Amino acid sequence: MKGLLLILVLALTAAGQESRREIINAAPNPADDAKGLSDKVPDVYAIPTQFDRVVVLRFKFDTDLLAGLEKMVKQQKISNAIIVSGMGSVRGYQVHQVSNRTFPSKNIFIKNPTEPADVLGMSGFIVEGKIHAHITLATPDKAFGGHLEPGTNVFTFAVVTIGVLRDGADLTHLDDKSYR
């Protein structure tokens, strides 16, 4: 009986531990990963725009942050926007981070569905309704962050502020790793 109890405790402990998996994020056209820098693409460029409105979102206990953002982007008819801030706490998380320095890029997915964390910040953008959100989290032992993934569920509450841009801002290359 003690052996069975020990196996059960170990199984439950292992189920709640952090997991990591790495994937290659190859471009749809392999030639895009191999191409070099173009003189036609500026090192940096500005996109002048203004906020049309600001939307403040409040998330309740156990709401998936990414799913909630996606729902509100559709409901609020947000096409292009900047994620200005985020704060709150989560019951568990999943993020991904870049894990190499050469193309094709690789992402490492870090998931811990049972480790609570404070949300220290969120930033990113929305282009044509597609969300690209980064989140910074903190536990008693570390602060870390990455791209927000499904499975990051709210604990006490979370608040995210979005600046919705006026129509006409061209954000098409913001999320294009081959635009170089």
Protein backbone atom coordinates (compact mmCIF):
# COMPACT_ATOMS: atom_id res chain seq x y z
CA MET A 1 0.00 0.00 0.00
CA LYS A 2 2.84 2.43 0.84
CA GLY A 3 4.45 1.67 -2.53
CA LEU A 4 1.20 2.45 -4.37
CA LEU A 5 0.81 5.70 -2.42
CA LEU A 6 4.41 6.71 -3.28
CA ILE A 7 3.81 6.00 -6.98
CA LEU A 8 0.61 8.09 -6.89
CA VAL A 9 2.39 11.01 -5.19
CA LEU A 10 5.26 10.87 -7.70
CA ALA A 11 2.83 10.73 -10.64
CA LEU A 12 0.87 13.73 -9.37
CA THR A 13 4.07 15.68 -8.73
CA ALA A 14 5.40 14.92 -12.22
CA ALA A 15 2.11 15.98 -13.82
CA GLY A 16 2.44 19.48 -12.36
CA GLN A 17 6.07 20.09 -13.24
CA GLU A 18 7.35 22.36 -15.93
CA SER A 19 7.67 20.80 -19.36
CA ARG A 20 9.65 22.00 -22.37
CA ARG A 21 9.50 21.11 -26.05
CA GLU A 22 11.35 22.62 -28.97
CA ILE A 23 10.08 23.02 -32.53
CA ILE A 24 11.66 24.36 -35.70
CA ASN A 25 9.78 27.38 -37.00
CA ALA A 26 10.74 27.06 -40.67
CA ALA A 27 9.44 29.57 -43.19
CA PRO A 28 6.78 28.28 -45.62
CA ASN A 29 9.33 28.89 -48.39
CA PRO A 30 12.74 27.47 -47.28
CA ALA A 31 14.50 30.07 -49.44
CA ASP A 32 13.20 32.78 -47.07
CA ASP A 33 15.21 31.27 -44.20
CA ALA A 34 18.36 31.23 -46.36
CA LYS A 35 18.17 34.76 -47.73
CA GLY A 36 20.43 37.53 -46.49
CA LEU A 37 19.85 41.18 -45.78
CA SER A 38 18.39 43.46 -48.43
CA ASP A 39 19.45 47.07 -48.99
CA LYS A 40 15.79 47.76 -49.84
CA VAL A 41 14.69 47.00 -46.28
CA PRO A 42 15.60 49.79 -43.85
CA ASP A 43 17.36 48.91 -40.58
CA VAL A 44 14.48 50.57 -38.75
CA TYR A 45 11.39 52.44 -39.89
CA ALA A 46 8.56 54.37 -38.26
CA ILE A 47 4.83 53.87 -38.64
CA PRO A 48 3.11 57.14 -37.72
CA THR A 49 -0.37 56.54 -36.33
CA GLN A 50 -2.67 57.45 -33.47
CA PHE A 51 -4.97 55.59 -31.15
CA ASP A 52 -8.58 55.68 -32.23
CA ARG A 53 -9.68 54.38 -28.83
CA VAL A 54 -8.35 52.54 -25.80
CA VAL A 55 -9.96 49.29 -24.64
CA VAL A 56 -9.35 47.98 -21.12
CA LEU A 57 -10.10 44.28 -20.67
CA ARG A 58 -10.65 42.56 -17.33
CA PHE A 59 -10.34 38.78 -17.10
CA LYS A 60 -11.88 36.72 -14.31
CA PHE A 61 -10.64 33.59 -12.53
CA ASP A 62 -9.69 30.64 -14.75
CA THR A 63 -10.11 32.50 -18.06
CA ASP A 64 -7.49 31.60 -20.67
CA LEU A 65 -5.71 34.91 -21.41
CA LEU A 66 -5.07 34.25 -25.09
CA ALA A 67 -8.58 32.90 -25.78
CA GLY A 68 -10.05 35.91 -23.95
CA LEU A 69 -7.94 38.31 -26.00
CA GLU A 70 -9.02 36.59 -29.22
CA LYS A 71 -12.69 36.77 -28.18
CA MET A 72 -12.49 40.48 -27.34
CA VAL A 73 -10.56 41.36 -30.52
CA LYS A 74 -13.44 39.87 -32.52
CA GLN A 75 -16.19 41.27 -30.31
CA GLN A 76 -14.67 44.78 -30.26
CA LYS A 77 -13.90 44.62 -34.01
CA ILE A 78 -10.20 45.36 -33.47
CA SER A 79 -8.12 45.08 -36.63
CA ASN A 80 -4.82 46.80 -35.75
CA ALA A 81 -3.75 47.67 -32.22
CA ILE A 82 -0.93 47.87 -29.71
CA ILE A 83 -1.05 45.87 -26.46
CA VAL A 84 0.02 48.61 -24.07
CA SER A 85 0.06 46.80 -20.72
CA GLY A 86 -1.08 43.82 -18.72
CA MET A 87 -1.09 42.84 -15.06
CA GLY A 88 -2.65 40.32 -12.70
CA SER A 89 -1.93 36.72 -11.76
CA VAL A 90 -2.19 33.29 -13.38
CA ARG A 91 -2.77 29.75 -12.09
CA GLY A 92 -0.41 28.21 -14.63
CA TYR A 93 1.22 29.23 -17.87
CA GLN A 94 2.48 28.34 -21.30
CA VAL A 95 4.84 30.58 -23.24
CA HIS A 96 7.30 30.11 -26.04
CA GLN A 97 10.67 31.71 -26.56
CA VAL A 98 13.16 31.76 -29.40
CA SER A 99 15.87 29.19 -28.67
CA ASN A 100 18.55 29.68 -31.35
CA ARG A 101 20.41 32.37 -33.29
CA THR A 102 20.28 31.17 -36.90
CA PHE A 103 17.53 30.53 -39.43
CA PRO A 104 15.34 28.60 -39.44
CA SER A 105 14.31 29.85 -36.04
CA LYS A 106 13.47 27.43 -33.25
CA ASN A 107 10.97 27.95 -30.45
CA ILE A 108 11.00 26.33 -27.05
CA PHE A 109 7.57 25.95 -25.43
CA ILE A 110 7.60 26.16 -21.64
CA LYS A 111 4.50 24.93 -19.85
CA ASN A 112 3.58 24.59 -16.21
CA PRO A 113 -0.18 24.25 -15.70
CA THR A 114 0.08 24.24 -11.90
CA GLU A 115 2.62 26.97 -11.06
CA PRO A 116 1.00 30.28 -10.11
CA ALA A 117 2.71 33.50 -11.19
CA ASP A 118 2.21 37.23 -11.16
CA VAL A 119 1.75 38.97 -14.50
CA LEU A 120 4.30 41.79 -14.44
CA GLY A 121 3.53 43.05 -17.91
CA MET A 122 2.20 42.33 -21.35
CA SER A 123 3.02 43.98 -24.67
CA GLY A 124 2.67 43.26 -28.34
CA PHE A 125 0.43 44.10 -31.23
CA ILE A 126 -2.58 43.01 -33.21
CA VAL A 127 -2.31 42.98 -37.01
CA GLU A 128 -5.44 42.33 -39.07
CA GLY A 129 -7.01 40.71 -36.01
CA LYS A 130 -4.05 38.40 -35.34
CA ILE A 131 -2.61 38.69 -31.82
CA HIS A 132 1.13 38.70 -31.12
CA ALA A 133 1.36 39.08 -27.34
CA HIS A 134 4.40 38.83 -25.08
CA ILE A 135 3.99 38.32 -21.35
CA THR A 136 6.36 38.75 -18.41
CA LEU A 137 5.68 36.52 -15.40
CA ALA A 138 7.24 36.17 -11.95
CA THR A 139 7.27 33.40 -9.38
CA PRO A 140 9.03 33.59 -6.00
CA ASP A 141 12.14 32.14 -7.67
CA LYS A 142 12.37 33.84 -11.07
CA ALA A 143 11.02 36.31 -13.60
CA PHE A 144 10.63 35.15 -17.19
CA GLY A 145 8.52 35.68 -20.24
CA GLY A 146 7.84 34.92 -23.83
CA HIS A 147 5.07 34.71 -26.39
CA LEU A 148 1.70 34.14 -24.72
CA GLU A 149 0.29 30.68 -25.49
CA PRO A 150 -3.00 28.91 -24.68
CA GLY A 151 -3.06 27.45 -21.19
CA THR A 152 -2.18 30.64 -19.34
CA ASN A 153 -5.22 30.85 -17.08
CA VAL A 154 -6.08 33.75 -14.77
CA PHE A 155 -5.92 33.37 -11.00
CA THR A 156 -7.18 36.42 -9.07
CA PHE A 157 -7.84 38.62 -12.12
CA ALA A 158 -5.96 40.13 -15.05
CA VAL A 159 -6.24 43.47 -16.82
CA VAL A 160 -4.95 44.14 -20.35
CA THR A 161 -5.00 47.56 -22.01
CA ILE A 162 -5.15 47.80 -25.80
CA GLY A 163 -4.66 50.93 -27.90
CA VAL A 164 -6.73 50.49 -31.05
CA LEU A 165 -5.13 52.18 -34.04
CA ARG A 166 -6.82 54.32 -36.62
CA ASP A 167 -7.44 52.70 -39.98
CA GLY A 168 -4.59 53.06 -42.44
CA ALA A 169 -1.60 52.08 -40.29
CA ASP A 170 0.44 49.58 -42.31
CA LEU A 171 1.65 46.94 -39.85
CA THR A 172 2.13 44.19 -42.43
CA HIS A 173 5.88 43.66 -41.93
CA LEU A 174 5.96 43.81 -38.11
CA ASP A 175 5.61 40.04 -37.74
CA ASP A 176 7.51 39.00 -40.90
CA LYS A 177 10.89 37.46 -40.03
CA SER A 178 11.82 37.28 -43.73
CA TYR A 179 11.50 41.07 -44.17
CA ARG A 180 15.20 41.72 -43.77
